[in-house]
mmCIF file of all heavy atoms, coordinates in Angstrom:
data_MODEL
# 
_entry.id   MODEL 
# 
loop_
_atom_site.group_PDB 
_atom_site.id 
_atom_site.type_symbol 
_atom_site.label_atom_id 
_atom_site.label_alt_id 
_atom_site.label_comp_id 
_atom_site.label_asym_id 
_atom_site.label_entity_id 
_atom_site.label_seq_id 
_atom_site.pdbx_PDB_ins_code 
_atom_site.Cartn_x 
_atom_site.Cartn_y 
_atom_site.Cartn_z 
_atom_site.occupancy 
_atom_site.B_iso_or_equiv 
_atom_site.pdbx_formal_charge 
_atom_site.auth_seq_id 
_atom_site.auth_comp_id 
_atom_site.auth_asym_id 
_atom_site.auth_atom_id 
_atom_site.pdbx_PDB_model_num 
ATOM 1   N N   . SER A 1 1  ? 8.594  7.660   -6.296  1.00 0.00 ? 1  SER A N   1 
ATOM 2   C CA  . SER A 1 1  ? 7.633  8.477   -7.122  1.00 0.00 ? 1  SER A CA  1 
ATOM 3   C C   . SER A 1 1  ? 8.444  9.212   -8.194  1.00 0.00 ? 1  SER A C   1 
ATOM 4   O O   . SER A 1 1  ? 7.791  9.606   -9.213  1.00 0.00 ? 1  SER A O   1 
ATOM 5   C CB  . SER A 1 1  ? 6.810  9.451   -6.280  1.00 0.00 ? 1  SER A CB  1 
ATOM 6   O OG  . SER A 1 1  ? 7.615  10.456  -5.641  1.00 0.00 ? 1  SER A OG  1 
ATOM 7   N N   . ARG A 1 2  ? 9.726  9.436   -8.018  1.00 0.00 ? 2  ARG A N   1 
ATOM 8   C CA  . ARG A 1 2  ? 10.441 10.088  -9.223  1.00 0.00 ? 2  ARG A CA  1 
ATOM 9   C C   . ARG A 1 2  ? 10.629 9.219   -10.320 1.00 0.00 ? 2  ARG A C   1 
ATOM 10  O O   . ARG A 1 2  ? 10.949 9.604   -11.407 1.00 0.00 ? 2  ARG A O   1 
ATOM 11  C CB  . ARG A 1 2  ? 11.818 10.588  -8.670  1.00 0.00 ? 2  ARG A CB  1 
ATOM 12  C CG  . ARG A 1 2  ? 11.693 11.738  -7.684  1.00 0.00 ? 2  ARG A CG  1 
ATOM 13  C CD  . ARG A 1 2  ? 12.996 12.260  -7.461  1.00 0.00 ? 2  ARG A CD  1 
ATOM 14  N NE  . ARG A 1 2  ? 13.016 12.506  -5.828  1.00 0.00 ? 2  ARG A NE  1 
ATOM 15  C CZ  . ARG A 1 2  ? 14.056 12.339  -5.104  1.00 0.00 ? 2  ARG A CZ  1 
ATOM 16  N NH1 . ARG A 1 2  ? 15.207 11.992  -5.610  1.00 0.00 ? 2  ARG A NH1 1 
ATOM 17  N NH2 . ARG A 1 2  ? 13.878 12.670  -3.822  1.00 0.00 ? 2  ARG A NH2 1 
ATOM 18  N N   . HIS A 1 3  ? 10.502 7.925   -10.160 1.00 0.00 ? 3  HIS A N   1 
ATOM 19  C CA  . HIS A 1 3  ? 10.871 6.915   -11.221 1.00 0.00 ? 3  HIS A CA  1 
ATOM 20  C C   . HIS A 1 3  ? 9.625  6.084   -11.625 1.00 0.00 ? 3  HIS A C   1 
ATOM 21  O O   . HIS A 1 3  ? 9.705  5.442   -12.652 1.00 0.00 ? 3  HIS A O   1 
ATOM 22  C CB  . HIS A 1 3  ? 11.979 6.014   -10.619 1.00 0.00 ? 3  HIS A CB  1 
ATOM 23  C CG  . HIS A 1 3  ? 13.192 6.773   -10.330 1.00 0.00 ? 3  HIS A CG  1 
ATOM 24  N ND1 . HIS A 1 3  ? 14.068 7.220   -11.123 1.00 0.00 ? 3  HIS A ND1 1 
ATOM 25  C CD2 . HIS A 1 3  ? 13.657 7.150   -9.110  1.00 0.00 ? 3  HIS A CD2 1 
ATOM 26  C CE1 . HIS A 1 3  ? 14.972 8.030   -10.568 1.00 0.00 ? 3  HIS A CE1 1 
ATOM 27  N NE2 . HIS A 1 3  ? 14.763 7.911   -9.250  1.00 0.00 ? 3  HIS A NE2 1 
ATOM 28  N N   . VAL A 1 4  ? 8.690  5.884   -10.809 1.00 0.00 ? 4  VAL A N   1 
ATOM 29  C CA  . VAL A 1 4  ? 7.558  5.134   -11.114 1.00 0.00 ? 4  VAL A CA  1 
ATOM 30  C C   . VAL A 1 4  ? 6.184  5.834   -10.853 1.00 0.00 ? 4  VAL A C   1 
ATOM 31  O O   . VAL A 1 4  ? 6.151  6.544   -9.889  1.00 0.00 ? 4  VAL A O   1 
ATOM 32  C CB  . VAL A 1 4  ? 7.561  3.876   -10.236 1.00 0.00 ? 4  VAL A CB  1 
ATOM 33  C CG1 . VAL A 1 4  ? 6.433  2.851   -10.509 1.00 0.00 ? 4  VAL A CG1 1 
ATOM 34  C CG2 . VAL A 1 4  ? 8.805  3.139   -10.422 1.00 0.00 ? 4  VAL A CG2 1 
ATOM 35  N N   . ASP A 1 5  ? 5.357  5.832   -11.833 1.00 0.00 ? 5  ASP A N   1 
ATOM 36  C CA  . ASP A 1 5  ? 3.958  6.480   -11.545 1.00 0.00 ? 5  ASP A CA  1 
ATOM 37  C C   . ASP A 1 5  ? 3.048  5.470   -10.993 1.00 0.00 ? 5  ASP A C   1 
ATOM 38  O O   . ASP A 1 5  ? 2.463  4.724   -11.540 1.00 0.00 ? 5  ASP A O   1 
ATOM 39  C CB  . ASP A 1 5  ? 3.449  6.782   -13.016 1.00 0.00 ? 5  ASP A CB  1 
ATOM 40  C CG  . ASP A 1 5  ? 2.129  7.595   -12.860 1.00 0.00 ? 5  ASP A CG  1 
ATOM 41  O OD1 . ASP A 1 5  ? 1.977  8.162   -11.834 1.00 0.00 ? 5  ASP A OD1 1 
ATOM 42  O OD2 . ASP A 1 5  ? 1.457  7.641   -13.856 1.00 0.00 ? 5  ASP A OD2 1 
ATOM 43  N N   . ILE A 1 6  ? 3.021  5.582   -9.549  1.00 0.00 ? 6  ILE A N   1 
ATOM 44  C CA  . ILE A 1 6  ? 2.213  4.722   -8.832  1.00 0.00 ? 6  ILE A CA  1 
ATOM 45  C C   . ILE A 1 6  ? 1.606  5.614   -7.794  1.00 0.00 ? 6  ILE A C   1 
ATOM 46  O O   . ILE A 1 6  ? 2.285  6.448   -7.147  1.00 0.00 ? 6  ILE A O   1 
ATOM 47  C CB  . ILE A 1 6  ? 2.977  3.613   -8.250  1.00 0.00 ? 6  ILE A CB  1 
ATOM 48  C CG1 . ILE A 1 6  ? 2.135  2.572   -7.365  1.00 0.00 ? 6  ILE A CG1 1 
ATOM 49  C CG2 . ILE A 1 6  ? 4.128  4.036   -7.267  1.00 0.00 ? 6  ILE A CG2 1 
ATOM 50  C CD1 . ILE A 1 6  ? 2.886  1.384   -6.858  1.00 0.00 ? 6  ILE A CD1 1 
ATOM 51  N N   . PRO A 1 7  ? 0.205  5.423   -7.573  1.00 0.00 ? 7  PRO A N   1 
ATOM 52  C CA  . PRO A 1 7  ? -0.413 6.251   -6.507  1.00 0.00 ? 7  PRO A CA  1 
ATOM 53  C C   . PRO A 1 7  ? 0.150  6.029   -5.071  1.00 0.00 ? 7  PRO A C   1 
ATOM 54  O O   . PRO A 1 7  ? 0.409  4.757   -4.773  1.00 0.00 ? 7  PRO A O   1 
ATOM 55  C CB  . PRO A 1 7  ? -1.858 5.836   -6.665  1.00 0.00 ? 7  PRO A CB  1 
ATOM 56  C CG  . PRO A 1 7  ? -1.997 5.256   -8.008  1.00 0.00 ? 7  PRO A CG  1 
ATOM 57  C CD  . PRO A 1 7  ? -0.715 4.620   -8.266  1.00 0.00 ? 7  PRO A CD  1 
ATOM 58  N N   . THR A 1 8  ? 0.157  6.976   -4.394  1.00 0.00 ? 8  THR A N   1 
ATOM 59  C CA  . THR A 1 8  ? 0.727  6.895   -2.965  1.00 0.00 ? 8  THR A CA  1 
ATOM 60  C C   . THR A 1 8  ? 0.044  5.753   -2.071  1.00 0.00 ? 8  THR A C   1 
ATOM 61  O O   . THR A 1 8  ? 0.679  5.012   -1.480  1.00 0.00 ? 8  THR A O   1 
ATOM 62  C CB  . THR A 1 8  ? 0.690  8.251   -2.259  1.00 0.00 ? 8  THR A CB  1 
ATOM 63  O OG1 . THR A 1 8  ? 1.397  9.145   -3.033  1.00 0.00 ? 8  THR A OG1 1 
ATOM 64  C CG2 . THR A 1 8  ? 1.387  8.116   -0.847  1.00 0.00 ? 8  THR A CG2 1 
ATOM 65  N N   . HIS A 1 9  ? -1.308 5.605   -2.206  1.00 0.00 ? 9  HIS A N   1 
ATOM 66  C CA  . HIS A 1 9  ? -2.020 4.813   -1.426  1.00 0.00 ? 9  HIS A CA  1 
ATOM 67  C C   . HIS A 1 9  ? -1.780 3.341   -1.749  1.00 0.00 ? 9  HIS A C   1 
ATOM 68  O O   . HIS A 1 9  ? -1.738 2.243   -1.038  1.00 0.00 ? 9  HIS A O   1 
ATOM 69  C CB  . HIS A 1 9  ? -3.391 4.979   -1.443  1.00 0.00 ? 9  HIS A CB  1 
ATOM 70  C CG  . HIS A 1 9  ? -4.271 4.675   -2.794  1.00 0.00 ? 9  HIS A CG  1 
ATOM 71  N ND1 . HIS A 1 9  ? -4.173 5.513   -3.799  1.00 0.00 ? 9  HIS A ND1 1 
ATOM 72  C CD2 . HIS A 1 9  ? -4.857 3.701   -3.219  1.00 0.00 ? 9  HIS A CD2 1 
ATOM 73  C CE1 . HIS A 1 9  ? -4.758 4.906   -4.964  1.00 0.00 ? 9  HIS A CE1 1 
ATOM 74  N NE2 . HIS A 1 9  ? -5.304 3.851   -4.457  1.00 0.00 ? 9  HIS A NE2 1 
ATOM 75  N N   . ILE A 1 10 ? -1.352 3.125   -3.011  1.00 0.00 ? 10 ILE A N   1 
ATOM 76  C CA  . ILE A 1 10 ? -0.986 1.790   -3.418  1.00 0.00 ? 10 ILE A CA  1 
ATOM 77  C C   . ILE A 1 10 ? 0.387  1.389   -3.050  1.00 0.00 ? 10 ILE A C   1 
ATOM 78  O O   . ILE A 1 10 ? 0.679  0.362   -2.558  1.00 0.00 ? 10 ILE A O   1 
ATOM 79  C CB  . ILE A 1 10 ? -1.144 1.725   -4.986  1.00 0.00 ? 10 ILE A CB  1 
ATOM 80  C CG1 . ILE A 1 10 ? -2.613 1.602   -5.359  1.00 0.00 ? 10 ILE A CG1 1 
ATOM 81  C CG2 . ILE A 1 10 ? -0.397 0.219   -5.475  1.00 0.00 ? 10 ILE A CG2 1 
ATOM 82  C CD1 . ILE A 1 10 ? -2.864 1.561   -6.980  1.00 0.00 ? 10 ILE A CD1 1 
ATOM 83  N N   . LEU A 1 11 ? 1.292  2.308   -3.133  1.00 0.00 ? 11 LEU A N   1 
ATOM 84  C CA  . LEU A 1 11 ? 2.652  2.141   -2.616  1.00 0.00 ? 11 LEU A CA  1 
ATOM 85  C C   . LEU A 1 11 ? 2.680  1.929   -1.137  1.00 0.00 ? 11 LEU A C   1 
ATOM 86  O O   . LEU A 1 11 ? 3.292  0.959   -0.694  1.00 0.00 ? 11 LEU A O   1 
ATOM 87  C CB  . LEU A 1 11 ? 3.471  3.367   -2.891  1.00 0.00 ? 11 LEU A CB  1 
ATOM 88  C CG  . LEU A 1 11 ? 5.064  3.305   -2.356  1.00 0.00 ? 11 LEU A CG  1 
ATOM 89  C CD1 . LEU A 1 11 ? 5.624  2.011   -3.057  1.00 0.00 ? 11 LEU A CD1 1 
ATOM 90  C CD2 . LEU A 1 11 ? 5.774  4.451   -2.814  1.00 0.00 ? 11 LEU A CD2 1 
ATOM 91  N N   . ASN A 1 12 ? 1.887  2.667   -0.358  1.00 0.00 ? 12 ASN A N   1 
ATOM 92  C CA  . ASN A 1 12 ? 1.768  2.511   1.173   1.00 0.00 ? 12 ASN A CA  1 
ATOM 93  C C   . ASN A 1 12 ? 1.210  1.112   1.422   1.00 0.00 ? 12 ASN A C   1 
ATOM 94  O O   . ASN A 1 12 ? 1.631  0.346   2.346   1.00 0.00 ? 12 ASN A O   1 
ATOM 95  C CB  . ASN A 1 12 ? 0.871  3.589   1.637   1.00 0.00 ? 12 ASN A CB  1 
ATOM 96  C CG  . ASN A 1 12 ? 1.457  4.886   1.762   1.00 0.00 ? 12 ASN A CG  1 
ATOM 97  O OD1 . ASN A 1 12 ? 2.710  5.004   1.503   1.00 0.00 ? 12 ASN A OD1 1 
ATOM 98  N ND2 . ASN A 1 12 ? 0.664  5.868   1.861   1.00 0.00 ? 12 ASN A ND2 1 
ATOM 99  N N   . ALA A 1 13 ? 0.122  0.622   0.603   1.00 0.00 ? 13 ALA A N   1 
ATOM 100 C CA  . ALA A 1 13 ? -0.283 -0.716  0.768   1.00 0.00 ? 13 ALA A CA  1 
ATOM 101 C C   . ALA A 1 13 ? 0.645  -1.847  0.564   1.00 0.00 ? 13 ALA A C   1 
ATOM 102 O O   . ALA A 1 13 ? 0.721  -2.803  1.315   1.00 0.00 ? 13 ALA A O   1 
ATOM 103 C CB  . ALA A 1 13 ? -1.583 -0.953  -0.106  1.00 0.00 ? 13 ALA A CB  1 
ATOM 104 N N   . ARG A 1 14 ? 1.343  -1.592  -0.489  1.00 0.00 ? 14 ARG A N   1 
ATOM 105 C CA  . ARG A 1 14 ? 2.456  -2.658  -0.835  1.00 0.00 ? 14 ARG A CA  1 
ATOM 106 C C   . ARG A 1 14 ? 3.389  -2.756  0.246   1.00 0.00 ? 14 ARG A C   1 
ATOM 107 O O   . ARG A 1 14 ? 3.996  -3.731  0.668   1.00 0.00 ? 14 ARG A O   1 
ATOM 108 C CB  . ARG A 1 14 ? 3.121  -2.318  -2.172  1.00 0.00 ? 14 ARG A CB  1 
ATOM 109 C CG  . ARG A 1 14 ? 2.059  -2.757  -3.291  1.00 0.00 ? 14 ARG A CG  1 
ATOM 110 C CD  . ARG A 1 14 ? 2.750  -2.645  -4.542  1.00 0.00 ? 14 ARG A CD  1 
ATOM 111 N NE  . ARG A 1 14 ? 1.753  -2.875  -5.736  1.00 0.00 ? 14 ARG A NE  1 
ATOM 112 C CZ  . ARG A 1 14 ? 2.013  -2.630  -6.952  1.00 0.00 ? 14 ARG A CZ  1 
ATOM 113 N NH1 . ARG A 1 14 ? 3.312  -2.152  -7.236  1.00 0.00 ? 14 ARG A NH1 1 
ATOM 114 N NH2 . ARG A 1 14 ? 1.192  -2.983  -7.928  1.00 0.00 ? 14 ARG A NH2 1 
ATOM 115 N N   . LEU A 1 15 ? 3.945  -1.586  0.737   1.00 0.00 ? 15 LEU A N   1 
ATOM 116 C CA  . LEU A 1 15 ? 4.951  -1.485  1.784   1.00 0.00 ? 15 LEU A CA  1 
ATOM 117 C C   . LEU A 1 15 ? 4.377  -2.288  2.997   1.00 0.00 ? 15 LEU A C   1 
ATOM 118 O O   . LEU A 1 15 ? 5.081  -2.984  3.667   1.00 0.00 ? 15 LEU A O   1 
ATOM 119 C CB  . LEU A 1 15 ? 5.328  -0.141  2.123   1.00 0.00 ? 15 LEU A CB  1 
ATOM 120 C CG  . LEU A 1 15 ? 6.197  0.705   1.139   1.00 0.00 ? 15 LEU A CG  1 
ATOM 121 C CD1 . LEU A 1 15 ? 6.290  2.172   1.490   1.00 0.00 ? 15 LEU A CD1 1 
ATOM 122 C CD2 . LEU A 1 15 ? 7.577  0.061   1.175   1.00 0.00 ? 15 LEU A CD2 1 
ATOM 123 N N   . LEU A 1 16 ? 3.174  -1.855  3.421   1.00 0.00 ? 16 LEU A N   1 
ATOM 124 C CA  . LEU A 1 16 ? 2.649  -2.491  4.641   1.00 0.00 ? 16 LEU A CA  1 
ATOM 125 C C   . LEU A 1 16 ? 2.479  -3.970  4.507   1.00 0.00 ? 16 LEU A C   1 
ATOM 126 O O   . LEU A 1 16 ? 2.746  -4.890  5.344   1.00 0.00 ? 16 LEU A O   1 
ATOM 127 C CB  . LEU A 1 16 ? 1.231  -1.834  5.020   1.00 0.00 ? 16 LEU A CB  1 
ATOM 128 C CG  . LEU A 1 16 ? 0.512  -2.384  6.246   1.00 0.00 ? 16 LEU A CG  1 
ATOM 129 C CD1 . LEU A 1 16 ? 1.505  -2.051  7.410   1.00 0.00 ? 16 LEU A CD1 1 
ATOM 130 C CD2 . LEU A 1 16 ? -0.736 -1.686  6.355   1.00 0.00 ? 16 LEU A CD2 1 
ATOM 131 N N   . GLU A 1 17 ? 2.080  -4.354  3.276   1.00 0.00 ? 17 GLU A N   1 
ATOM 132 C CA  . GLU A 1 17 ? 1.744  -5.815  3.063   1.00 0.00 ? 17 GLU A CA  1 
ATOM 133 C C   . GLU A 1 17 ? 3.143  -6.591  3.140   1.00 0.00 ? 17 GLU A C   1 
ATOM 134 O O   . GLU A 1 17 ? 3.227  -7.677  3.685   1.00 0.00 ? 17 GLU A O   1 
ATOM 135 C CB  . GLU A 1 17 ? 1.145  -6.003  1.599   1.00 0.00 ? 17 GLU A CB  1 
ATOM 136 C CG  . GLU A 1 17 ? 1.066  -7.478  1.194   1.00 0.00 ? 17 GLU A CG  1 
ATOM 137 C CD  . GLU A 1 17 ? 0.707  -7.529  -0.274  1.00 0.00 ? 17 GLU A CD  1 
ATOM 138 O OE1 . GLU A 1 17 ? 0.483  -6.478  -1.032  1.00 0.00 ? 17 GLU A OE1 1 
ATOM 139 O OE2 . GLU A 1 17 ? 0.404  -8.664  -0.700  1.00 0.00 ? 17 GLU A OE2 1 
ATOM 140 N N   . THR A 1 18 ? 4.183  -5.950  2.485   1.00 0.00 ? 18 THR A N   1 
ATOM 141 C CA  . THR A 1 18 ? 5.547  -6.646  2.488   1.00 0.00 ? 18 THR A CA  1 
ATOM 142 C C   . THR A 1 18 ? 6.055  -6.707  3.969   1.00 0.00 ? 18 THR A C   1 
ATOM 143 O O   . THR A 1 18 ? 6.607  -7.734  4.361   1.00 0.00 ? 18 THR A O   1 
ATOM 144 C CB  . THR A 1 18 ? 6.374  -5.849  1.616   1.00 0.00 ? 18 THR A CB  1 
ATOM 145 O OG1 . THR A 1 18 ? 5.913  -5.696  0.256   1.00 0.00 ? 18 THR A OG1 1 
ATOM 146 C CG2 . THR A 1 18 ? 7.830  -6.520  1.541   1.00 0.00 ? 18 THR A CG2 1 
ATOM 147 N N   . GLU A 1 19 ? 5.944  -5.551  4.781   1.00 0.00 ? 19 GLU A N   1 
ATOM 148 C CA  . GLU A 1 19 ? 6.296  -5.665  6.132   1.00 0.00 ? 19 GLU A CA  1 
ATOM 149 C C   . GLU A 1 19 ? 5.621  -6.723  6.949   1.00 0.00 ? 19 GLU A C   1 
ATOM 150 O O   . GLU A 1 19 ? 6.238  -7.408  7.616   1.00 0.00 ? 19 GLU A O   1 
ATOM 151 C CB  . GLU A 1 19 ? 6.156  -4.313  6.819   1.00 0.00 ? 19 GLU A CB  1 
ATOM 152 C CG  . GLU A 1 19 ? 7.212  -3.260  6.456   1.00 0.00 ? 19 GLU A CG  1 
ATOM 153 C CD  . GLU A 1 19 ? 7.102  -1.980  7.268   1.00 0.00 ? 19 GLU A CD  1 
ATOM 154 O OE1 . GLU A 1 19 ? 7.400  -1.952  8.387   1.00 0.00 ? 19 GLU A OE1 1 
ATOM 155 O OE2 . GLU A 1 19 ? 6.245  -1.070  6.796   1.00 0.00 ? 19 GLU A OE2 1 
ATOM 156 N N   . ARG A 1 20 ? 4.476  -6.807  6.787   1.00 0.00 ? 20 ARG A N   1 
ATOM 157 C CA  . ARG A 1 20 ? 3.657  -7.900  7.435   1.00 0.00 ? 20 ARG A CA  1 
ATOM 158 C C   . ARG A 1 20 ? 4.026  -9.328  7.142   1.00 0.00 ? 20 ARG A C   1 
ATOM 159 O O   . ARG A 1 20 ? 4.066  -10.087 8.026   1.00 0.00 ? 20 ARG A O   1 
ATOM 160 C CB  . ARG A 1 20 ? 2.039  -7.693  7.198   1.00 0.00 ? 20 ARG A CB  1 
ATOM 161 C CG  . ARG A 1 20 ? 1.543  -6.429  7.959   1.00 0.00 ? 20 ARG A CG  1 
ATOM 162 C CD  . ARG A 1 20 ? 0.134  -6.320  7.799   1.00 0.00 ? 20 ARG A CD  1 
ATOM 163 N NE  . ARG A 1 20 ? -0.427 -5.283  8.613   1.00 0.00 ? 20 ARG A NE  1 
ATOM 164 C CZ  . ARG A 1 20 ? -1.558 -4.604  8.472   1.00 0.00 ? 20 ARG A CZ  1 
ATOM 165 N NH1 . ARG A 1 20 ? -2.417 -5.133  7.449   1.00 0.00 ? 20 ARG A NH1 1 
ATOM 166 N NH2 . ARG A 1 20 ? -1.971 -3.614  9.165   1.00 0.00 ? 20 ARG A NH2 1 
ATOM 167 N N   . LYS A 1 21 ? 4.344  -9.468  5.846   1.00 0.00 ? 21 LYS A N   1 
ATOM 168 C CA  . LYS A 1 21 ? 4.746  -10.746 5.445   1.00 0.00 ? 21 LYS A CA  1 
ATOM 169 C C   . LYS A 1 21 ? 6.087  -11.040 6.017   1.00 0.00 ? 21 LYS A C   1 
ATOM 170 O O   . LYS A 1 21 ? 6.396  -12.159 6.372   1.00 0.00 ? 21 LYS A O   1 
ATOM 171 C CB  . LYS A 1 21 ? 4.818  -10.966 3.861   1.00 0.00 ? 21 LYS A CB  1 
ATOM 172 C CG  . LYS A 1 21 ? 3.478  -11.048 3.304   1.00 0.00 ? 21 LYS A CG  1 
ATOM 173 C CD  . LYS A 1 21 ? 3.690  -11.081 1.683   1.00 0.00 ? 21 LYS A CD  1 
ATOM 174 C CE  . LYS A 1 21 ? 2.240  -11.191 1.115   1.00 0.00 ? 21 LYS A CE  1 
ATOM 175 N NZ  . LYS A 1 21 ? 2.459  -11.276 -0.404  1.00 0.00 ? 21 LYS A NZ  1 
ATOM 176 N N   . ASN A 1 22 ? 7.039  -10.099 5.951   1.00 0.00 ? 22 ASN A N   1 
ATOM 177 C CA  . ASN A 1 22 ? 8.422  -10.357 6.433   1.00 0.00 ? 22 ASN A CA  1 
ATOM 178 C C   . ASN A 1 22 ? 8.514  -10.389 7.980   1.00 0.00 ? 22 ASN A C   1 
ATOM 179 O O   . ASN A 1 22 ? 9.576  -10.809 8.413   1.00 0.00 ? 22 ASN A O   1 
ATOM 180 C CB  . ASN A 1 22 ? 9.306  -9.304  5.879   1.00 0.00 ? 22 ASN A CB  1 
ATOM 181 C CG  . ASN A 1 22 ? 9.557  -9.426  4.318   1.00 0.00 ? 22 ASN A CG  1 
ATOM 182 O OD1 . ASN A 1 22 ? 9.328  -10.409 3.848   1.00 0.00 ? 22 ASN A OD1 1 
ATOM 183 N ND2 . ASN A 1 22 ? 10.023 -8.229  3.767   1.00 0.00 ? 22 ASN A ND2 1 
ATOM 184 N N   . ILE A 1 23 ? 7.621  -9.926  8.657   1.00 0.00 ? 23 ILE A N   1 
ATOM 185 C CA  . ILE A 1 23 ? 7.785  -9.769  10.161  1.00 0.00 ? 23 ILE A CA  1 
ATOM 186 C C   . ILE A 1 23 ? 7.823  -11.296 10.761  1.00 0.00 ? 23 ILE A C   1 
ATOM 187 O O   . ILE A 1 23 ? 8.648  -11.370 11.765  1.00 0.00 ? 23 ILE A O   1 
ATOM 188 C CB  . ILE A 1 23 ? 6.624  -8.977  10.890  1.00 0.00 ? 23 ILE A CB  1 
ATOM 189 C CG1 . ILE A 1 23 ? 7.201  -8.454  12.204  1.00 0.00 ? 23 ILE A CG1 1 
ATOM 190 C CG2 . ILE A 1 23 ? 5.414  -9.903  11.035  1.00 0.00 ? 23 ILE A CG2 1 
ATOM 191 C CD1 . ILE A 1 23 ? 6.357  -7.345  12.709  1.00 0.00 ? 23 ILE A CD1 1 
ATOM 192 N N   . THR A 1 24 ? 7.280  -12.238 10.127  1.00 0.00 ? 24 THR A N   1 
ATOM 193 C CA  . THR A 1 24 ? 7.369  -13.549 10.541  1.00 0.00 ? 24 THR A CA  1 
ATOM 194 C C   . THR A 1 24 ? 8.769  -14.168 10.439  1.00 0.00 ? 24 THR A C   1 
ATOM 195 O O   . THR A 1 24 ? 9.129  -15.053 11.078  1.00 0.00 ? 24 THR A O   1 
ATOM 196 C CB  . THR A 1 24 ? 6.360  -14.581 9.994   1.00 0.00 ? 24 THR A CB  1 
ATOM 197 O OG1 . THR A 1 24 ? 6.429  -14.522 8.600   1.00 0.00 ? 24 THR A OG1 1 
ATOM 198 C CG2 . THR A 1 24 ? 4.915  -14.143 10.474  1.00 0.00 ? 24 THR A CG2 1 
ATOM 199 N N   . THR A 1 25 ? 9.466  -13.748 9.380   1.00 0.00 ? 25 THR A N   1 
ATOM 200 C CA  . THR A 1 25 ? 10.825 -14.090 9.114   1.00 0.00 ? 25 THR A CA  1 
ATOM 201 C C   . THR A 1 25 ? 11.829 -13.458 9.818   1.00 0.00 ? 25 THR A C   1 
ATOM 202 O O   . THR A 1 25 ? 12.795 -13.884 10.415  1.00 0.00 ? 25 THR A O   1 
ATOM 203 C CB  . THR A 1 25 ? 11.080 -14.052 7.570   1.00 0.00 ? 25 THR A CB  1 
ATOM 204 O OG1 . THR A 1 25 ? 9.995  -14.839 6.802   1.00 0.00 ? 25 THR A OG1 1 
ATOM 205 C CG2 . THR A 1 25 ? 12.414 -14.598 7.179   1.00 0.00 ? 25 THR A CG2 1 
ATOM 206 N N   . TYR A 1 26 ? 11.807 -11.967 9.767   1.00 0.00 ? 26 TYR A N   1 
ATOM 207 C CA  . TYR A 1 26 ? 12.896 -11.120 10.242  1.00 0.00 ? 26 TYR A CA  1 
ATOM 208 C C   . TYR A 1 26 ? 12.528 -10.469 11.580  1.00 0.00 ? 26 TYR A C   1 
ATOM 209 O O   . TYR A 1 26 ? 13.355 -9.875  12.287  1.00 0.00 ? 26 TYR A O   1 
ATOM 210 C CB  . TYR A 1 26 ? 13.047 -10.053 9.270   1.00 0.00 ? 26 TYR A CB  1 
ATOM 211 C CG  . TYR A 1 26 ? 13.521 -10.527 7.759   1.00 0.00 ? 26 TYR A CG  1 
ATOM 212 C CD1 . TYR A 1 26 ? 12.733 -10.204 6.774   1.00 0.00 ? 26 TYR A CD1 1 
ATOM 213 C CD2 . TYR A 1 26 ? 14.551 -11.295 7.660   1.00 0.00 ? 26 TYR A CD2 1 
ATOM 214 C CE1 . TYR A 1 26 ? 12.993 -10.674 5.425   1.00 0.00 ? 26 TYR A CE1 1 
ATOM 215 C CE2 . TYR A 1 26 ? 14.873 -11.825 6.380   1.00 0.00 ? 26 TYR A CE2 1 
ATOM 216 C CZ  . TYR A 1 26 ? 14.037 -11.431 5.193   1.00 0.00 ? 26 TYR A CZ  1 
ATOM 217 O OH  . TYR A 1 26 ? 14.440 -11.956 4.096   1.00 0.00 ? 26 TYR A OH  1 
ATOM 218 N N   . GLY A 1 27 ? 11.297 -10.562 12.073  1.00 0.00 ? 27 GLY A N   1 
ATOM 219 C CA  . GLY A 1 27 ? 10.821 -9.931  13.328  1.00 0.00 ? 27 GLY A CA  1 
ATOM 220 C C   . GLY A 1 27 ? 10.893 -8.422  13.070  1.00 0.00 ? 27 GLY A C   1 
ATOM 221 O O   . GLY A 1 27 ? 10.820 -7.974  12.093  1.00 0.00 ? 27 GLY A O   1 
ATOM 222 N N   . TYR A 1 28 ? 10.466 -7.779  14.297  1.00 0.00 ? 28 TYR A N   1 
ATOM 223 C CA  . TYR A 1 28 ? 10.361 -6.350  14.104  1.00 0.00 ? 28 TYR A CA  1 
ATOM 224 C C   . TYR A 1 28 ? 11.675 -5.620  14.414  1.00 0.00 ? 28 TYR A C   1 
ATOM 225 O O   . TYR A 1 28 ? 12.253 -6.004  15.401  1.00 0.00 ? 28 TYR A O   1 
ATOM 226 C CB  . TYR A 1 28 ? 9.254  -5.887  15.285  1.00 0.00 ? 28 TYR A CB  1 
ATOM 227 C CG  . TYR A 1 28 ? 9.120  -4.426  15.296  1.00 0.00 ? 28 TYR A CG  1 
ATOM 228 C CD1 . TYR A 1 28 ? 8.097  -3.905  14.385  1.00 0.00 ? 28 TYR A CD1 1 
ATOM 229 C CD2 . TYR A 1 28 ? 9.743  -3.569  16.189  1.00 0.00 ? 28 TYR A CD2 1 
ATOM 230 C CE1 . TYR A 1 28 ? 7.970  -2.455  14.494  1.00 0.00 ? 28 TYR A CE1 1 
ATOM 231 C CE2 . TYR A 1 28 ? 9.550  -2.338  16.218  1.00 0.00 ? 28 TYR A CE2 1 
ATOM 232 C CZ  . TYR A 1 28 ? 8.680  -1.647  15.310  1.00 0.00 ? 28 TYR A CZ  1 
ATOM 233 O OH  . TYR A 1 28 ? 8.497  -0.369  15.321  1.00 0.00 ? 28 TYR A OH  1 
# 
């Protein structure tokens, strides 16, 4: 947030989306 103007809820959604995609490859 210090470097990019992005709403917290969008950043949270992107993090969650990325984790869900990666869990099939890297596991938990």
